[in-house]
Amino acid sequence: MFGILVAVSCLQPKSSSLHQQLLGSWQLFYGEIKENDSIIIKDVSKSTFIKIINKTHFAFFNQEHNTNVNFYGGAGTYTLDKHHYTETLSYIESTSFRNHKFEFEIEIKGDTLIQKGLEEIPESGIKRYIVEKYIRIPNPSLP
């Protein structure tokens, strides 16, 4: 019986390990939106989209290069259960998005975060499947 308990406890850190890997700053380098019969690939050459994740909260912002137009951002809390990542968007300009939960599956491969899921907000007529890929932004103060 003791051997089984040890084996089970050895399996549990994988979730917290993924959580540790998730923490940090990420820059979007690929975005795909599937809506109805269309697939749109986001042009990331004209703007910078950053997502910052700490132990309990996330925040994001988008800024077009060399201009102050089309800036947007948001923030909220999240939960992580294995690879199931759920964001609750609490702070954003659009009131129909506030307190909405967005459920994604995530995967981290090396320095890349891959996030996939359905974004659906019936009040806004939004129903789209997204695939986003982020690269970790190195923190020069960490070893």
C-alpha atoms as a PDB file:
ATOM      1  CA  MET A   1       0.000   0.000   0.000  1.00  0.00           C
ATOM      2  CA  PHE A   2       2.819   2.433   0.775  1.00  0.00           C
ATOM      3  CA  GLY A   3       4.260   1.918  -2.726  1.00  0.00           C
ATOM      4  CA  ILE A   4       0.935   2.957  -4.284  1.00  0.00           C
ATOM      5  CA  LEU A   5       0.775   6.127  -2.196  1.00  0.00           C
ATOM      6  CA  VAL A   6       4.270   7.075  -3.279  1.00  0.00           C
ATOM      7  CA  ALA A   7       3.393   6.498  -6.942  1.00  0.00           C
ATOM      8  CA  VAL A   8       0.247   8.639  -6.684  1.00  0.00           C
ATOM      9  CA  SER A   9       2.068  11.465  -4.930  1.00  0.00           C
ATOM     10  CA  CYS A  10       4.746  11.390  -7.634  1.00  0.00           C
ATOM     11  CA  LEU A  11       2.104  11.990 -10.292  1.00  0.00           C
ATOM     12  CA  GLN A  12       0.582  15.080  -8.678  1.00  0.00           C
ATOM     13  CA  PRO A  13       3.420  17.589  -9.210  1.00  0.00           C
ATOM     14  CA  LYS A  14       2.879  17.487 -12.992  1.00  0.00           C
ATOM     15  CA  SER A  15      -0.099  19.834 -12.621  1.00  0.00           C
ATOM     16  CA  SER A  16       1.802  22.208 -10.338  1.00  0.00           C
ATOM     17  CA  SER A  17       4.805  21.858 -12.646  1.00  0.00           C
ATOM     18  CA  LEU A  18       2.648  23.070 -15.554  1.00  0.00           C
ATOM     19  CA  HIS A  19       1.428  25.887 -13.323  1.00  0.00           C
ATOM     20  CA  GLN A  20       5.027  26.895 -12.556  1.00  0.00           C
ATOM     21  CA  GLN A  21       5.886  26.796 -16.258  1.00  0.00           C
ATOM     22  CA  LEU A  22       2.852  28.983 -17.049  1.00  0.00           C
ATOM     23  CA  LEU A  23       3.980  31.841 -14.800  1.00  0.00           C
ATOM     24  CA  GLY A  24       5.664  34.734 -16.568  1.00  0.00           C
ATOM     25  CA  SER A  25       5.329  37.012 -19.566  1.00  0.00           C
ATOM     26  CA  TRP A  26       4.389  35.756 -23.017  1.00  0.00           C
ATOM     27  CA  GLN A  27       4.326  37.395 -26.464  1.00  0.00           C
ATOM     28  CA  LEU A  28       1.871  36.249 -29.119  1.00  0.00           C
ATOM     29  CA  PHE A  29       3.594  35.109 -32.302  1.00  0.00           C
ATOM     30  CA  TYR A  30       0.693  33.247 -33.949  1.00  0.00           C
ATOM     31  CA  GLY A  31      -3.058  33.743 -33.710  1.00  0.00           C
ATOM     32  CA  GLU A  32      -5.723  31.872 -35.622  1.00  0.00           C
ATOM     33  CA  ILE A  33      -9.474  32.469 -35.469  1.00  0.00           C
ATOM     34  CA  LYS A  34     -11.960  29.988 -36.929  1.00  0.00           C
ATOM     35  CA  GLU A  35     -15.397  31.546 -37.234  1.00  0.00           C
ATOM     36  CA  ASN A  36     -18.184  30.068 -39.348  1.00  0.00           C
ATOM     37  CA  ASP A  37     -16.442  28.945 -42.557  1.00  0.00           C
ATOM     38  CA  SER A  38     -13.538  31.379 -42.265  1.00  0.00           C
ATOM     39  CA  ILE A  39     -10.051  31.118 -40.845  1.00  0.00           C
ATOM     40  CA  ILE A  40      -8.257  34.356 -40.049  1.00  0.00           C
ATOM     41  CA  ILE A  41      -4.559  34.451 -39.207  1.00  0.00           C
ATOM     42  CA  LYS A  42      -3.673  37.463 -37.052  1.00  0.00           C
ATOM     43  CA  ASP A  43      -1.026  39.745 -38.530  1.00  0.00           C
ATOM     44  CA  VAL A  44       1.397  39.985 -35.595  1.00  0.00           C
ATOM     45  CA  SER A  45       3.901  42.073 -37.567  1.00  0.00           C
ATOM     46  CA  LYS A  46       1.987  45.313 -36.894  1.00  0.00           C
ATOM     47  CA  SER A  47       1.385  45.034 -33.154  1.00  0.00           C
ATOM     48  CA  THR A  48       2.634  43.456 -29.948  1.00  0.00           C
ATOM     49  CA  PHE A  49       0.285  41.333 -27.851  1.00  0.00           C
ATOM     50  CA  ILE A  50       1.599  40.458 -24.391  1.00  0.00           C
ATOM     51  CA  LYS A  51       0.042  38.160 -21.769  1.00  0.00           C
ATOM     52  CA  ILE A  52       1.347  38.206 -18.190  1.00  0.00           C
ATOM     53  CA  ILE A  53       0.433  35.381 -15.808  1.00  0.00           C
ATOM     54  CA  ASN A  54       1.150  35.219 -12.083  1.00  0.00           C
ATOM     55  CA  LYS A  55      -0.041  32.658  -9.508  1.00  0.00           C
ATOM     56  CA  THR A  56      -3.679  33.824  -9.533  1.00  0.00           C
ATOM     57  CA  HIS A  57      -4.177  36.482 -12.216  1.00  0.00           C
ATOM     58  CA  PHE A  58      -3.545  37.199 -15.870  1.00  0.00           C
ATOM     59  CA  ALA A  59      -3.389  40.429 -17.827  1.00  0.00           C
ATOM     60  CA  PHE A  60      -3.007  41.179 -21.504  1.00  0.00           C
ATOM     61  CA  PHE A  61      -2.523  44.170 -23.742  1.00  0.00           C
ATOM     62  CA  ASN A  62      -2.135  44.842 -27.438  1.00  0.00           C
ATOM     63  CA  GLN A  63      -0.313  47.842 -28.866  1.00  0.00           C
ATOM     64  CA  GLU A  64       0.148  48.676 -32.521  1.00  0.00           C
ATOM     65  CA  HIS A  65       3.720  49.618 -33.356  1.00  0.00           C
ATOM     66  CA  ASN A  66       4.554  53.339 -33.623  1.00  0.00           C
ATOM     67  CA  THR A  67       1.006  54.532 -32.902  1.00  0.00           C
ATOM     68  CA  ASN A  68      -1.479  54.942 -30.078  1.00  0.00           C
ATOM     69  CA  VAL A  69      -4.521  53.582 -31.959  1.00  0.00           C
ATOM     70  CA  ASN A  70      -6.097  50.173 -31.366  1.00  0.00           C
ATOM     71  CA  PHE A  71      -4.629  49.757 -27.893  1.00  0.00           C
ATOM     72  CA  TYR A  72      -6.617  47.364 -25.743  1.00  0.00           C
ATOM     73  CA  GLY A  73      -6.114  45.316 -22.632  1.00  0.00           C
ATOM     74  CA  GLY A  74      -7.820  43.247 -20.001  1.00  0.00           C
ATOM     75  CA  ALA A  75      -7.220  41.226 -16.862  1.00  0.00           C
ATOM     76  CA  GLY A  76      -8.780  38.825 -14.428  1.00  0.00           C
ATOM     77  CA  THR A  77      -8.299  35.576 -12.570  1.00  0.00           C
ATOM     78  CA  TYR A  78      -7.734  32.079 -13.869  1.00  0.00           C
ATOM     79  CA  THR A  79      -7.861  28.457 -12.780  1.00  0.00           C
ATOM     80  CA  LEU A  80      -5.752  25.584 -14.028  1.00  0.00           C
ATOM     81  CA  ASP A  81      -6.792  21.933 -13.772  1.00  0.00           C
ATOM     82  CA  LYS A  82      -4.213  19.786 -15.531  1.00  0.00           C
ATOM     83  CA  HIS A  83      -4.260  21.258 -19.072  1.00  0.00           C
ATOM     84  CA  HIS A  84      -7.678  22.904 -18.676  1.00  0.00           C
ATOM     85  CA  TYR A  85      -7.114  26.667 -18.255  1.00  0.00           C
ATOM     86  CA  THR A  86     -10.088  28.954 -17.543  1.00  0.00           C
ATOM     87  CA  GLU A  87      -9.824  32.733 -17.581  1.00  0.00           C
ATOM     88  CA  THR A  88     -12.447  34.913 -15.892  1.00  0.00           C
ATOM     89  CA  LEU A  89     -12.161  38.299 -17.561  1.00  0.00           C
ATOM     90  CA  SER A  90     -12.956  40.916 -14.909  1.00  0.00           C
ATOM     91  CA  TYR A  91     -11.356  44.080 -16.273  1.00  0.00           C
ATOM     92  CA  ILE A  92     -12.005  45.110 -19.866  1.00  0.00           C
ATOM     93  CA  GLU A  93     -13.695  47.965 -21.712  1.00  0.00           C
ATOM     94  CA  SER A  94     -16.475  45.845 -23.242  1.00  0.00           C
ATOM     95  CA  THR A  95     -19.128  45.202 -20.582  1.00  0.00           C
ATOM     96  CA  SER A  96     -20.415  42.057 -22.346  1.00  0.00           C
ATOM     97  CA  PHE A  97     -16.974  40.469 -21.804  1.00  0.00           C
ATOM     98  CA  ARG A  98     -16.782  41.293 -18.089  1.00  0.00           C
ATOM     99  CA  ASN A  99     -16.968  38.329 -15.721  1.00  0.00           C
ATOM    100  CA  HIS A 100     -17.153  35.972 -18.690  1.00  0.00           C
ATOM    101  CA  LYS A 101     -15.285  32.664 -18.444  1.00  0.00           C
ATOM    102  CA  PHE A 102     -13.130  31.538 -21.353  1.00  0.00           C
ATOM    103  CA  GLU A 103     -12.109  27.883 -21.296  1.00  0.00           C
ATOM    104  CA  PHE A 104      -8.974  26.704 -23.055  1.00  0.00           C
ATOM    105  CA  GLU A 105      -6.678  23.732 -23.294  1.00  0.00           C
ATOM    106  CA  ILE A 106      -3.051  24.702 -22.879  1.00  0.00           C
ATOM    107  CA  GLU A 107       0.249  23.054 -23.585  1.00  0.00           C
ATOM    108  CA  ILE A 108       3.787  24.253 -23.021  1.00  0.00           C
ATOM    109  CA  LYS A 109       6.510  23.027 -25.363  1.00  0.00           C
ATOM    110  CA  GLY A 110       9.901  24.456 -24.424  1.00  0.00           C
ATOM    111  CA  ASP A 111       9.478  28.236 -24.452  1.00  0.00           C
ATOM    112  CA  THR A 112       6.127  28.104 -26.301  1.00  0.00           C
ATOM    113  CA  LEU A 113       2.654  28.324 -24.767  1.00  0.00           C
ATOM    114  CA  ILE A 114      -0.146  26.968 -26.970  1.00  0.00           C
ATOM    115  CA  GLN A 115      -3.705  27.938 -26.044  1.00  0.00           C
ATOM    116  CA  LYS A 116      -6.787  26.564 -27.842  1.00  0.00           C
ATOM    117  CA  GLY A 117     -10.478  26.924 -27.177  1.00  0.00           C
ATOM    118  CA  LEU A 118     -13.904  28.252 -28.004  1.00  0.00           C
ATOM    119  CA  GLU A 119     -14.632  31.899 -27.263  1.00  0.00           C
ATOM    120  CA  GLU A 120     -18.380  32.286 -27.015  1.00  0.00           C
ATOM    121  CA  ILE A 121     -20.277  35.360 -25.841  1.00  0.00           C
ATOM    122  CA  PRO A 122     -23.891  35.103 -27.022  1.00  0.00           C
ATOM    123  CA  GLU A 123     -24.711  38.707 -25.973  1.00  0.00           C
ATOM    124  CA  SER A 124     -22.065  39.950 -28.426  1.00  0.00           C
ATOM    125  CA  GLY A 125     -22.706  37.394 -31.161  1.00  0.00           C
ATOM    126  CA  ILE A 126     -19.224  35.948 -30.706  1.00  0.00           C
ATOM    127  CA  LYS A 127     -18.609  32.267 -31.304  1.00  0.00           C
ATOM    128  CA  ARG A 128     -15.133  31.452 -32.561  1.00  0.00           C
ATOM    129  CA  TYR A 129     -12.446  28.846 -32.016  1.00  0.00           C
ATOM    130  CA  ILE A 130      -8.991  30.253 -31.407  1.00  0.00           C
ATOM    131  CA  VAL A 131      -5.470  28.915 -31.478  1.00  0.00           C
ATOM    132  CA  GLU A 132      -2.838  31.178 -29.963  1.00  0.00           C
ATOM    133  CA  LYS A 133       0.879  30.547 -29.675  1.00  0.00           C
ATOM    134  CA  TYR A 134       3.078  32.605 -27.395  1.00  0.00           C
ATOM    135  CA  ILE A 135       6.814  32.662 -26.826  1.00  0.00           C
ATOM    136  CA  ARG A 136       8.142  33.249 -23.337  1.00  0.00           C
ATOM    137  CA  ILE A 137       9.684  36.679 -22.789  1.00  0.00           C
ATOM    138  CA  PRO A 138      12.903  36.053 -20.847  1.00  0.00           C
ATOM    139  CA  ASN A 139      13.231  37.722 -17.465  1.00  0.00           C
ATOM    140  CA  PRO A 140      16.807  39.058 -17.275  1.00  0.00           C
ATOM    141  CA  SER A 141      16.690  39.152 -13.452  1.00  0.00           C
ATOM    142  CA  LEU A 142      16.133  35.377 -13.218  1.00  0.00           C
ATOM    143  CA  PRO A 143      18.938  32.858 -13.670  1.00  0.00           C
END
